[in-house]
C-alpha cells in the first residue's frame, strides 16, 4: 500500500518546482516591463497568463493534498508553501496592472532595481524548492534561505531610499502616488519570497 503512495508523494515536489519556475518567469517579465515600456501591454498580458498557469498548479496541489493519505511533508507546510508562492505571482500581476491602469509614462531606476531584486529572490526560491525533495540538501537549502533574507533586506533599503527621493524630488503629487504604489507592491514581492524561505527553513528543522 505504502509503495503505491510514493509516486503521489513525489508529485508534490514536482508541483512546487513547476510553480517556482512560473514565479521566475513572471519576475523576468516584470524586469522586461520595467526596462522597456514600449512592450507594456505585451508584458502585462504575459504576466497575467503566467499567473493563471500558476493558479492551476496551486489548485492541483491543494486538490492532491486533500486526496493524499500520506504526505511527504506536514500538510500545513504544503498548503502554506504553495499559497505563499502563489502570492508572489499575484503581486507581480498586481504590479503590472497598476503600471498599466495608472498610465505611468516613465519608470524610475529604483523601480527597475526592485524588479531585479524580485527576480533574484524568485530564482533563489526556485533553487531552494528544487532541493526540498531530499533532506540531505538541508545545508544548501538553508544557505539559499539566508540569501533570500539578504535580498529582501536589500529591497527594503532600495525602497526606503526610493521613497525618500520620491517625497523630496517629485513635484507631481499624482505621479508620486503612482510610483509609491509600484514601489510598495514590488517590495512586498520580496517579502513573500522571504515568507517562502521561512516556511522552507521550518520544514528543514522539522525533518532534519
N, C-alpha and C. Protein backbone atom coordinates (compact mmCIF):
# COMPACT_ATOMS: atom_id res chain seq x y z
N UNK A 1 0.82 -1.21 0.00
CA UNK A 1 0.00 0.00 0.00
C UNK A 1 0.86 1.26 0.00
N UNK A 2 1.84 1.29 0.91
CA UNK A 2 2.67 2.49 1.01
C UNK A 2 3.51 2.68 -0.25
N UNK A 3 3.90 1.59 -0.86
CA UNK A 3 4.67 1.68 -2.09
C UNK A 3 3.89 2.38 -3.19
N UNK A 4 2.60 2.11 -3.23
CA UNK A 4 1.76 2.71 -4.27
C UNK A 4 1.58 4.21 -4.04
N UNK A 5 1.78 4.64 -2.80
CA UNK A 5 1.59 6.06 -2.49
C UNK A 5 2.82 6.90 -2.82
N UNK A 6 3.95 6.27 -2.97
CA UNK A 6 5.19 7.02 -3.15
C UNK A 6 5.20 7.95 -4.36
N UNK A 7 4.71 7.51 -5.54
CA UNK A 7 4.68 8.43 -6.69
C UNK A 7 3.86 9.69 -6.41
N UNK A 8 2.77 9.52 -5.64
CA UNK A 8 1.94 10.68 -5.29
C UNK A 8 2.71 11.64 -4.41
N UNK A 9 3.49 11.10 -3.47
CA UNK A 9 4.31 11.96 -2.61
C UNK A 9 5.27 12.80 -3.44
N UNK A 10 5.93 12.14 -4.40
CA UNK A 10 6.88 12.86 -5.24
C UNK A 10 6.22 13.93 -6.09
N UNK A 11 4.96 13.75 -6.41
CA UNK A 11 4.22 14.71 -7.23
C UNK A 11 4.18 16.09 -6.58
N UNK A 12 4.12 16.14 -5.24
CA UNK A 12 4.10 17.43 -4.55
C UNK A 12 5.34 18.25 -4.89
N UNK A 13 6.49 17.61 -4.89
CA UNK A 13 7.73 18.32 -5.18
C UNK A 13 7.79 18.78 -6.63
N UNK A 14 7.23 17.98 -7.52
CA UNK A 14 7.15 18.39 -8.93
C UNK A 14 6.28 19.65 -9.07
N UNK A 15 5.18 19.67 -8.34
CA UNK A 15 4.27 20.83 -8.41
C UNK A 15 4.93 22.07 -7.81
N UNK A 16 5.65 21.90 -6.70
CA UNK A 16 6.37 23.04 -6.12
C UNK A 16 7.35 23.62 -7.14
N UNK A 17 8.08 22.74 -7.82
CA UNK A 17 9.08 23.19 -8.80
C UNK A 17 8.42 23.87 -9.99
N UNK A 18 7.29 23.31 -10.45
CA UNK A 18 6.56 23.94 -11.56
C UNK A 18 6.15 25.36 -11.19
N UNK A 19 5.63 25.50 -9.99
CA UNK A 19 5.16 26.82 -9.56
C UNK A 19 6.32 27.80 -9.41
N UNK A 20 7.40 27.32 -8.80
CA UNK A 20 8.57 28.18 -8.61
C UNK A 20 9.13 28.65 -9.94
N UNK A 21 9.10 27.77 -10.95
CA UNK A 21 9.57 28.14 -12.28
C UNK A 21 8.68 29.24 -12.88
N UNK A 22 7.39 29.15 -12.65
CA UNK A 22 6.47 30.18 -13.14
C UNK A 22 6.71 31.51 -12.43
N UNK A 23 7.06 31.45 -11.15
CA UNK A 23 7.40 32.68 -10.41
C UNK A 23 8.59 33.38 -11.06
N UNK A 24 9.58 32.60 -11.43
CA UNK A 24 10.76 33.17 -12.10
C UNK A 24 10.36 33.79 -13.44
N UNK A 25 9.53 33.07 -14.20
CA UNK A 25 9.09 33.61 -15.50
C UNK A 25 8.34 34.93 -15.32
N UNK A 26 7.49 34.99 -14.31
CA UNK A 26 6.74 36.22 -14.04
C UNK A 26 7.66 37.36 -13.68
N UNK A 27 8.66 37.08 -12.86
CA UNK A 27 9.62 38.11 -12.45
C UNK A 27 10.48 38.56 -13.63
N UNK A 28 10.82 37.64 -14.52
CA UNK A 28 11.57 38.00 -15.73
C UNK A 28 10.76 38.97 -16.59
N UNK A 29 9.48 38.70 -16.73
CA UNK A 29 8.61 39.59 -17.50
C UNK A 29 8.51 40.95 -16.83
N UNK A 30 8.50 40.97 -15.51
CA UNK A 30 8.42 42.24 -14.78
C UNK A 30 9.67 43.08 -15.01
N UNK A 31 10.84 42.45 -14.99
CA UNK A 31 12.08 43.17 -15.27
C UNK A 31 12.05 43.72 -16.70
N UNK A 32 11.59 42.90 -17.64
CA UNK A 32 11.48 43.35 -19.03
C UNK A 32 10.51 44.52 -19.15
N UNK A 33 9.41 44.44 -18.42
CA UNK A 33 8.42 45.53 -18.44
C UNK A 33 9.04 46.82 -17.92
N UNK A 34 9.78 46.71 -16.84
CA UNK A 34 10.40 47.89 -16.22
C UNK A 34 11.57 48.43 -17.05
N UNK A 35 12.05 47.62 -17.98
CA UNK A 35 13.17 48.04 -18.81
C UNK A 35 12.70 48.75 -20.07
N UNK A 36 11.56 48.31 -20.60
CA UNK A 36 11.08 48.86 -21.88
C UNK A 36 9.56 48.99 -21.85
N UNK A 37 9.08 50.20 -21.67
CA UNK A 37 7.64 50.45 -21.60
C UNK A 37 6.94 50.28 -22.95
N UNK A 38 7.70 50.18 -24.03
CA UNK A 38 7.08 50.00 -25.35
C UNK A 38 6.31 48.69 -25.42
N UNK A 39 6.72 47.71 -24.60
CA UNK A 39 6.08 46.39 -24.61
C UNK A 39 5.15 46.20 -23.42
N UNK A 40 4.65 47.29 -22.85
CA UNK A 40 3.87 47.22 -21.62
C UNK A 40 2.70 46.25 -21.71
N UNK A 41 1.86 46.42 -22.72
CA UNK A 41 0.67 45.57 -22.85
C UNK A 41 1.05 44.11 -23.03
N UNK A 42 2.08 43.87 -23.85
CA UNK A 42 2.53 42.51 -24.10
C UNK A 42 3.05 41.86 -22.81
N UNK A 43 3.86 42.61 -22.06
CA UNK A 43 4.43 42.07 -20.82
C UNK A 43 3.35 41.85 -19.77
N UNK A 44 2.43 42.80 -19.65
CA UNK A 44 1.34 42.68 -18.67
C UNK A 44 0.49 41.45 -18.97
N UNK A 45 0.22 41.24 -20.25
CA UNK A 45 -0.57 40.07 -20.65
C UNK A 45 0.19 38.78 -20.36
N UNK A 46 1.50 38.79 -20.61
CA UNK A 46 2.32 37.61 -20.34
C UNK A 46 2.30 37.26 -18.86
N UNK A 47 2.41 38.28 -18.01
CA UNK A 47 2.39 38.04 -16.55
C UNK A 47 1.03 37.50 -16.13
N UNK A 48 -0.03 38.04 -16.71
CA UNK A 48 -1.38 37.55 -16.40
C UNK A 48 -1.54 36.08 -16.79
N UNK A 49 -1.01 35.72 -17.95
CA UNK A 49 -1.08 34.34 -18.42
C UNK A 49 -0.30 33.40 -17.50
N UNK A 50 0.89 33.83 -17.09
CA UNK A 50 1.73 33.04 -16.19
C UNK A 50 1.03 32.87 -14.84
N UNK A 51 0.40 33.94 -14.36
CA UNK A 51 -0.30 33.87 -13.07
C UNK A 51 -1.44 32.87 -13.12
N UNK A 52 -2.16 32.82 -14.23
CA UNK A 52 -3.25 31.85 -14.38
C UNK A 52 -2.73 30.41 -14.40
N UNK A 53 -1.58 30.21 -15.05
CA UNK A 53 -0.96 28.88 -15.06
C UNK A 53 -0.57 28.48 -13.64
N UNK A 54 -0.04 29.43 -12.89
CA UNK A 54 0.36 29.15 -11.51
C UNK A 54 -0.85 28.85 -10.63
N UNK A 55 -1.95 29.53 -10.88
CA UNK A 55 -3.19 29.24 -10.14
C UNK A 55 -3.60 27.78 -10.32
N UNK A 56 -3.47 27.29 -11.55
CA UNK A 56 -3.82 25.89 -11.83
C UNK A 56 -2.93 24.93 -11.05
N UNK A 57 -1.63 25.27 -10.98
CA UNK A 57 -0.70 24.43 -10.21
C UNK A 57 -1.06 24.46 -8.72
N UNK A 58 -1.41 25.64 -8.23
CA UNK A 58 -1.82 25.76 -6.82
C UNK A 58 -3.05 24.92 -6.53
N UNK A 59 -4.05 25.03 -7.40
CA UNK A 59 -5.29 24.26 -7.21
C UNK A 59 -5.01 22.77 -7.29
N UNK A 60 -4.13 22.36 -8.21
CA UNK A 60 -3.79 20.95 -8.34
C UNK A 60 -3.10 20.44 -7.08
N UNK A 61 -2.23 21.28 -6.52
CA UNK A 61 -1.52 20.90 -5.29
C UNK A 61 -2.48 20.73 -4.13
N UNK A 62 -3.38 21.68 -3.97
CA UNK A 62 -4.33 21.61 -2.86
C UNK A 62 -5.29 20.44 -3.04
N UNK A 63 -5.68 20.20 -4.28
CA UNK A 63 -6.55 19.06 -4.57
C UNK A 63 -5.84 17.75 -4.24
N UNK A 64 -4.57 17.66 -4.62
CA UNK A 64 -3.78 16.47 -4.32
C UNK A 64 -3.62 16.29 -2.81
N UNK A 65 -3.46 17.40 -2.11
CA UNK A 65 -3.32 17.36 -0.66
C UNK A 65 -4.55 16.73 -0.01
N UNK A 66 -5.72 17.09 -0.52
CA UNK A 66 -6.98 16.55 0.03
C UNK A 66 -7.16 15.07 -0.28
N UNK A 67 -6.54 14.62 -1.36
CA UNK A 67 -6.74 13.23 -1.81
C UNK A 67 -5.65 12.28 -1.30
N UNK A 68 -4.57 12.83 -0.77
CA UNK A 68 -3.42 12.01 -0.39
C UNK A 68 -3.45 11.65 1.09
N UNK A 69 -3.36 10.36 1.37
CA UNK A 69 -3.41 9.89 2.76
C UNK A 69 -2.10 10.19 3.48
N UNK A 70 -0.99 9.85 2.84
CA UNK A 70 0.33 10.09 3.42
C UNK A 70 1.04 11.16 2.59
N UNK A 71 1.42 12.25 3.21
CA UNK A 71 2.11 13.35 2.50
C UNK A 71 3.58 13.38 2.90
N UNK A 72 4.45 13.83 2.00
CA UNK A 72 5.89 13.82 2.29
C UNK A 72 6.30 14.88 3.32
N UNK A 73 5.47 15.90 3.47
CA UNK A 73 5.71 16.98 4.43
C UNK A 73 4.43 17.21 5.21
N UNK A 74 4.53 17.95 6.28
CA UNK A 74 3.36 18.32 7.06
C UNK A 74 2.32 18.99 6.15
N UNK A 75 1.06 18.63 6.32
CA UNK A 75 0.01 19.15 5.45
C UNK A 75 -0.06 20.68 5.47
N UNK A 76 0.07 21.25 6.64
CA UNK A 76 0.01 22.71 6.75
C UNK A 76 1.19 23.36 6.05
N UNK A 77 2.37 22.72 6.13
CA UNK A 77 3.55 23.25 5.43
C UNK A 77 3.34 23.24 3.92
N UNK A 78 2.76 22.16 3.41
CA UNK A 78 2.49 22.07 1.97
C UNK A 78 1.54 23.18 1.54
N UNK A 79 0.47 23.35 2.31
CA UNK A 79 -0.53 24.37 1.98
C UNK A 79 0.07 25.77 2.04
N UNK A 80 0.82 26.05 3.10
CA UNK A 80 1.43 27.38 3.23
C UNK A 80 2.45 27.65 2.14
N UNK A 81 3.26 26.64 1.82
CA UNK A 81 4.31 26.83 0.82
C UNK A 81 3.71 27.18 -0.54
N UNK A 82 2.71 26.43 -0.98
CA UNK A 82 2.16 26.68 -2.31
C UNK A 82 1.36 27.98 -2.35
N UNK A 83 0.68 28.32 -1.26
CA UNK A 83 -0.11 29.55 -1.27
C UNK A 83 0.78 30.79 -1.20
N UNK A 84 1.87 30.70 -0.46
CA UNK A 84 2.80 31.85 -0.41
C UNK A 84 3.50 32.04 -1.75
N UNK A 85 3.84 30.95 -2.43
CA UNK A 85 4.41 31.09 -3.77
C UNK A 85 3.38 31.70 -4.71
N UNK A 86 2.12 31.33 -4.55
CA UNK A 86 1.07 31.90 -5.38
C UNK A 86 0.92 33.40 -5.13
N UNK A 87 1.14 33.82 -3.89
CA UNK A 87 1.09 35.25 -3.56
C UNK A 87 2.11 36.04 -4.36
N UNK A 88 3.27 35.43 -4.62
CA UNK A 88 4.34 36.11 -5.37
C UNK A 88 3.83 36.52 -6.74
N UNK A 89 3.20 35.59 -7.44
CA UNK A 89 2.72 35.89 -8.80
C UNK A 89 1.49 36.79 -8.77
N UNK A 90 0.66 36.65 -7.75
CA UNK A 90 -0.48 37.56 -7.62
C UNK A 90 0.01 39.00 -7.54
N UNK A 91 1.06 39.22 -6.77
CA UNK A 91 1.60 40.57 -6.59
C UNK A 91 2.30 41.07 -7.86
N UNK A 92 2.99 40.18 -8.56
CA UNK A 92 3.62 40.59 -9.82
C UNK A 92 2.56 41.01 -10.84
N UNK A 93 1.45 40.27 -10.88
CA UNK A 93 0.36 40.65 -11.76
C UNK A 93 -0.24 41.99 -11.33
N UNK A 94 -0.38 42.16 -10.02
CA UNK A 94 -0.90 43.42 -9.47
C UNK A 94 -0.01 44.59 -9.88
N UNK A 95 1.30 44.39 -9.80
CA UNK A 95 2.24 45.45 -10.18
C UNK A 95 2.10 45.82 -11.65
N UNK A 96 2.00 44.80 -12.51
CA UNK A 96 1.87 45.04 -13.96
C UNK A 96 0.57 45.77 -14.26
N UNK A 97 -0.50 45.36 -13.63
CA UNK A 97 -1.80 46.02 -13.85
C UNK A 97 -1.79 47.45 -13.33
N UNK A 98 -1.11 47.67 -12.22
CA UNK A 98 -1.03 49.02 -11.65
C UNK A 98 -0.28 49.96 -12.59
N UNK A 99 0.83 49.48 -13.15
CA UNK A 99 1.58 50.30 -14.11
C UNK A 99 0.68 50.68 -15.29
N UNK A 100 -0.09 49.71 -15.77
CA UNK A 100 -0.97 49.95 -16.92
C UNK A 100 -2.14 50.87 -16.56
N UNK A 101 -2.83 50.57 -15.47
CA UNK A 101 -4.02 51.34 -15.09
C UNK A 101 -3.69 52.77 -14.68
N UNK A 102 -2.54 52.94 -14.05
CA UNK A 102 -2.14 54.28 -13.60
C UNK A 102 -1.56 55.11 -14.74
N UNK A 103 -1.39 54.46 -15.90
CA UNK A 103 -0.86 55.16 -17.07
C UNK A 103 0.48 55.84 -16.77
N UNK A 104 1.36 55.07 -16.13
CA UNK A 104 2.69 55.59 -15.82
C UNK A 104 3.50 55.70 -17.11
N UNK A 105 4.08 56.86 -17.33
CA UNK A 105 4.77 57.14 -18.59
C UNK A 105 6.24 56.77 -18.57
N UNK A 106 6.84 56.82 -17.39
CA UNK A 106 8.27 56.51 -17.29
C UNK A 106 8.53 55.87 -15.93
N UNK A 107 9.42 54.90 -15.91
CA UNK A 107 9.72 54.22 -14.66
C UNK A 107 11.07 54.73 -14.14
N UNK A 108 11.27 54.59 -12.85
CA UNK A 108 12.50 55.07 -12.23
C UNK A 108 13.53 53.95 -12.13
N UNK A 109 14.80 54.32 -11.98
CA UNK A 109 15.83 53.29 -11.76
C UNK A 109 15.55 52.46 -10.51
N UNK A 110 14.95 53.11 -9.51
CA UNK A 110 14.64 52.39 -8.26
C UNK A 110 13.60 51.31 -8.48
N UNK A 111 12.58 51.59 -9.29
CA UNK A 111 11.56 50.59 -9.58
C UNK A 111 12.17 49.42 -10.35
N UNK A 112 13.04 49.74 -11.30
CA UNK A 112 13.70 48.68 -12.06
C UNK A 112 14.58 47.83 -11.13
N UNK A 113 15.26 48.48 -10.21
CA UNK A 113 16.12 47.75 -9.27
C UNK A 113 15.28 46.83 -8.38
N UNK A 114 14.13 47.31 -7.94
CA UNK A 114 13.25 46.47 -7.13
C UNK A 114 12.77 45.26 -7.94
N UNK A 115 12.45 45.47 -9.22
CA UNK A 115 12.04 44.36 -10.08
C UNK A 115 13.17 43.34 -10.22
N UNK A 116 14.40 43.83 -10.34
CA UNK A 116 15.56 42.93 -10.45
C UNK A 116 15.75 42.12 -9.17
N UNK A 117 15.49 42.76 -8.02
CA UNK A 117 15.60 42.04 -6.75
C UNK A 117 14.49 41.00 -6.61
N UNK A 118 13.31 41.32 -7.15
CA UNK A 118 12.23 40.34 -7.19
C UNK A 118 12.66 39.11 -7.98
N UNK A 119 13.30 39.35 -9.12
CA UNK A 119 13.77 38.24 -9.96
C UNK A 119 14.82 37.42 -9.23
N UNK A 120 15.76 38.08 -8.58
CA UNK A 120 16.81 37.36 -7.84
C UNK A 120 16.20 36.50 -6.74
N UNK A 121 15.21 37.05 -6.04
CA UNK A 121 14.55 36.30 -4.97
C UNK A 121 13.83 35.07 -5.52
N UNK A 122 13.11 35.25 -6.62
CA UNK A 122 12.37 34.10 -7.19
C UNK A 122 13.32 33.03 -7.71
N UNK A 123 14.45 33.45 -8.24
CA UNK A 123 15.44 32.47 -8.71
C UNK A 123 15.96 31.63 -7.54
N UNK A 124 16.18 32.28 -6.40
CA UNK A 124 16.63 31.55 -5.20
C UNK A 124 15.54 30.64 -4.68
N UNK A 125 14.29 31.12 -4.71
CA UNK A 125 13.17 30.28 -4.29
C UNK A 125 13.11 29.02 -5.16
N UNK A 126 13.29 29.19 -6.46
CA UNK A 126 13.25 28.06 -7.38
C UNK A 126 14.31 27.02 -7.03
N UNK A 127 15.53 27.48 -6.75
CA UNK A 127 16.61 26.55 -6.40
C UNK A 127 16.30 25.85 -5.07
N UNK A 128 15.86 26.63 -4.09
CA UNK A 128 15.56 26.06 -2.78
C UNK A 128 14.48 25.00 -2.86
N UNK A 129 13.42 25.30 -3.60
CA UNK A 129 12.30 24.37 -3.74
C UNK A 129 12.74 23.10 -4.49
N UNK A 130 13.61 23.26 -5.46
CA UNK A 130 14.05 22.11 -6.27
C UNK A 130 14.87 21.11 -5.44
N UNK A 131 15.44 21.58 -4.34
CA UNK A 131 16.27 20.72 -3.49
C UNK A 131 15.49 20.09 -2.34
N UNK A 132 14.25 20.50 -2.18
CA UNK A 132 13.48 20.17 -0.99
C UNK A 132 13.10 18.69 -0.91
N UNK A 133 13.15 17.98 -2.02
CA UNK A 133 12.75 16.57 -2.03
C UNK A 133 13.72 15.68 -1.26
N UNK A 134 14.92 16.21 -0.97
CA UNK A 134 15.94 15.40 -0.31
C UNK A 134 16.52 16.18 0.87
N UNK A 135 16.27 15.71 2.08
CA UNK A 135 16.75 16.42 3.28
C UNK A 135 18.27 16.40 3.42
N UNK A 136 18.94 15.59 2.59
CA UNK A 136 20.41 15.65 2.57
C UNK A 136 20.89 17.00 2.03
N UNK A 137 19.99 17.71 1.38
CA UNK A 137 20.32 19.04 0.84
C UNK A 137 20.09 20.16 1.85
N UNK A 138 19.85 19.80 3.10
CA UNK A 138 19.42 20.80 4.09
C UNK A 138 20.38 21.98 4.24
N UNK A 139 21.67 21.73 4.25
CA UNK A 139 22.63 22.84 4.41
C UNK A 139 22.58 23.78 3.22
N UNK A 140 22.50 23.22 2.02
CA UNK A 140 22.40 24.05 0.82
C UNK A 140 21.11 24.89 0.85
N UNK A 141 20.01 24.24 1.25
CA UNK A 141 18.72 24.92 1.28
C UNK A 141 18.75 26.06 2.28
N UNK A 142 19.29 25.83 3.47
CA UNK A 142 19.36 26.87 4.49
C UNK A 142 20.22 28.05 4.03
N UNK A 143 21.30 27.75 3.30
CA UNK A 143 22.15 28.82 2.76
C UNK A 143 21.38 29.66 1.74
N UNK A 144 20.55 29.01 0.92
CA UNK A 144 19.73 29.73 -0.05
C UNK A 144 18.70 30.61 0.66
N UNK A 145 18.12 30.07 1.74
CA UNK A 145 17.15 30.85 2.51
C UNK A 145 17.78 32.11 3.10
N UNK A 146 19.02 31.98 3.57
CA UNK A 146 19.73 33.17 4.08
C UNK A 146 19.96 34.18 2.96
N UNK A 147 20.23 33.69 1.77
CA UNK A 147 20.43 34.58 0.62
C UNK A 147 19.14 35.32 0.28
N UNK A 148 18.01 34.64 0.38
CA UNK A 148 16.71 35.29 0.14
C UNK A 148 16.47 36.37 1.20
N UNK A 149 16.80 36.07 2.43
CA UNK A 149 16.67 37.07 3.51
C UNK A 149 17.51 38.31 3.20
N UNK A 150 18.72 38.08 2.70
CA UNK A 150 19.61 39.20 2.38
C UNK A 150 19.04 40.04 1.24
N UNK A 151 18.50 39.37 0.23
CA UNK A 151 17.92 40.09 -0.91
C UNK A 151 16.69 40.90 -0.48
N UNK A 152 15.89 40.32 0.41
CA UNK A 152 14.72 41.05 0.92
C UNK A 152 15.16 42.29 1.69
N UNK A 153 16.24 42.16 2.44
CA UNK A 153 16.78 43.30 3.17
C UNK A 153 17.29 44.38 2.20
N UNK A 154 17.92 43.94 1.12
CA UNK A 154 18.37 44.88 0.08
C UNK A 154 17.17 45.63 -0.51
N UNK A 155 16.08 44.91 -0.73
CA UNK A 155 14.87 45.53 -1.29
C UNK A 155 14.31 46.57 -0.31
N UNK A 156 14.36 46.27 0.97
CA UNK A 156 13.92 47.23 1.99
C UNK A 156 14.72 48.53 1.87
N UNK A 157 16.03 48.39 1.75
CA UNK A 157 16.90 49.57 1.66
C UNK A 157 16.62 50.37 0.38
N UNK A 158 16.44 49.65 -0.72
CA UNK A 158 16.15 50.32 -2.00
C UNK A 158 14.83 51.07 -1.90
N UNK A 159 13.82 50.44 -1.31
CA UNK A 159 12.52 51.11 -1.21
C UNK A 159 12.57 52.33 -0.31
N UNK A 160 13.26 52.23 0.82
CA UNK A 160 13.35 53.38 1.72
C UNK A 160 14.04 54.56 1.03
N UNK A 161 15.13 54.26 0.31
CA UNK A 161 15.84 55.31 -0.42
C UNK A 161 14.96 55.88 -1.54
N UNK A 162 14.22 55.00 -2.20
CA UNK A 162 13.34 55.43 -3.28
C UNK A 162 12.22 56.33 -2.77
N UNK A 163 11.64 55.96 -1.64
CA UNK A 163 10.57 56.77 -1.04
C UNK A 163 11.09 58.13 -0.63
N UNK A 164 12.27 58.14 -0.03
CA UNK A 164 12.88 59.40 0.40
C UNK A 164 13.10 60.32 -0.79
N UNK A 165 13.64 59.78 -1.86
CA UNK A 165 13.89 60.56 -3.07
C UNK A 165 12.58 61.04 -3.69
N UNK A 166 11.58 60.17 -3.68
CA UNK A 166 10.29 60.48 -4.27
C UNK A 166 9.63 61.67 -3.57
N UNK A 167 9.58 61.62 -2.25
CA UNK A 167 8.94 62.68 -1.48
C UNK A 167 9.77 63.97 -1.48
N UNK A 168 11.05 63.83 -1.71
CA UNK A 168 11.92 65.00 -1.74
C UNK A 168 11.92 65.70 -3.10
N UNK A 169 11.88 64.90 -4.18
CA UNK A 169 12.14 65.47 -5.50
C UNK A 169 10.96 65.48 -6.47
N UNK A 170 9.92 64.68 -6.22
CA UNK A 170 8.82 64.56 -7.19
C UNK A 170 7.80 65.69 -6.99
N UNK A 171 7.69 66.61 -7.96
CA UNK A 171 6.77 67.74 -7.80
C UNK A 171 5.31 67.40 -8.10
N UNK A 172 5.08 66.36 -8.87
CA UNK A 172 3.73 65.98 -9.27
C UNK A 172 3.15 64.98 -8.26
N UNK A 173 2.15 65.42 -7.50
CA UNK A 173 1.59 64.58 -6.44
C UNK A 173 1.00 63.30 -7.00
N UNK A 174 0.33 63.39 -8.16
CA UNK A 174 -0.27 62.19 -8.75
C UNK A 174 0.80 61.17 -9.13
N UNK A 175 1.88 61.65 -9.71
CA UNK A 175 2.97 60.74 -10.08
C UNK A 175 3.62 60.13 -8.85
N UNK A 176 3.70 60.92 -7.79
CA UNK A 176 4.25 60.44 -6.53
C UNK A 176 3.42 59.26 -6.01
N UNK A 177 2.11 59.43 -6.02
CA UNK A 177 1.21 58.38 -5.54
C UNK A 177 1.34 57.11 -6.38
N UNK A 178 1.43 57.29 -7.69
CA UNK A 178 1.56 56.14 -8.59
C UNK A 178 2.84 55.36 -8.32
N UNK A 179 3.96 56.08 -8.26
CA UNK A 179 5.25 55.41 -8.07
C UNK A 179 5.34 54.78 -6.69
N UNK A 180 4.80 55.44 -5.70
CA UNK A 180 4.79 54.89 -4.34
C UNK A 180 4.09 53.53 -4.33
N UNK A 181 2.98 53.44 -5.04
CA UNK A 181 2.23 52.18 -5.10
C UNK A 181 3.06 51.08 -5.75
N UNK A 182 3.75 51.42 -6.84
CA UNK A 182 4.59 50.44 -7.53
C UNK A 182 5.72 49.96 -6.62
N UNK A 183 6.40 50.90 -5.96
CA UNK A 183 7.48 50.54 -5.05
C UNK A 183 6.99 49.55 -3.99
N UNK A 184 5.85 49.87 -3.40
CA UNK A 184 5.34 49.05 -2.30
C UNK A 184 4.97 47.64 -2.75
N UNK A 185 4.36 47.53 -3.92
CA UNK A 185 3.98 46.20 -4.42
C UNK A 185 5.23 45.36 -4.70
N UNK A 186 6.21 45.96 -5.37
CA UNK A 186 7.41 45.21 -5.71
C UNK A 186 8.19 44.79 -4.46
N UNK A 187 8.24 45.67 -3.48
CA UNK A 187 8.94 45.30 -2.23
C UNK A 187 8.20 44.17 -1.53
N UNK A 188 6.88 44.18 -1.62
CA UNK A 188 6.09 43.12 -1.00
C UNK A 188 6.33 41.77 -1.66
N UNK A 189 6.64 41.78 -2.95
CA UNK A 189 7.01 40.53 -3.63
C UNK A 189 8.20 39.88 -2.91
N UNK A 190 9.20 40.69 -2.58
CA UNK A 190 10.37 40.14 -1.88
C UNK A 190 10.00 39.68 -0.47
N UNK A 191 9.04 40.34 0.16
CA UNK A 191 8.54 39.89 1.47
C UNK A 191 7.95 38.49 1.37
N UNK A 192 7.14 38.27 0.30
CA UNK A 192 6.52 36.95 0.13
C UNK A 192 7.58 35.88 -0.16
N UNK A 193 8.63 36.26 -0.89
CA UNK A 193 9.74 35.32 -1.11
C UNK A 193 10.41 34.96 0.22
N UNK A 194 10.55 35.95 1.08
CA UNK A 194 11.11 35.69 2.40
C UNK A 194 10.19 34.79 3.22
N UNK A 195 8.88 34.98 3.07
CA UNK A 195 7.92 34.09 3.74
C UNK A 195 8.13 32.66 3.29
N UNK A 196 8.32 32.48 1.98
CA UNK A 196 8.57 31.14 1.45
C UNK A 196 9.85 30.57 2.06
N UNK A 197 10.89 31.39 2.15
CA UNK A 197 12.16 30.94 2.75
C UNK A 197 11.96 30.53 4.20
N UNK A 198 11.14 31.28 4.93
CA UNK A 198 10.89 30.95 6.33
C UNK A 198 10.15 29.62 6.47
N UNK A 199 9.20 29.39 5.56
CA UNK A 199 8.46 28.12 5.57
C UNK A 199 9.42 26.96 5.28
N UNK A 200 10.28 27.16 4.28
CA UNK A 200 11.24 26.12 3.93
C UNK A 200 12.19 25.84 5.09
N UNK A 201 12.65 26.89 5.75
CA UNK A 201 13.52 26.71 6.92
C UNK A 201 12.82 25.88 7.99
N UNK A 202 11.53 26.17 8.21
CA UNK A 202 10.76 25.42 9.19
C UNK A 202 10.65 23.95 8.81
N UNK A 203 10.47 23.69 7.53
CA UNK A 203 10.38 22.31 7.03
C UNK A 203 11.70 21.57 7.29
N UNK A 204 12.80 22.26 7.04
CA UNK A 204 14.13 21.64 7.27
C UNK A 204 14.31 21.30 8.74
N UNK A 205 13.95 22.21 9.61
CA UNK A 205 14.09 21.99 11.06
C UNK A 205 13.22 20.81 11.50
N UNK A 206 11.99 20.74 10.98
CA UNK A 206 11.07 19.68 11.38
C UNK A 206 11.51 18.30 10.89
N UNK A 207 12.19 18.27 9.75
CA UNK A 207 12.52 16.99 9.13
C UNK A 207 13.98 16.61 9.22
N UNK A 208 14.77 17.44 9.88
CA UNK A 208 16.21 17.16 9.99
C UNK A 208 16.45 15.92 10.86
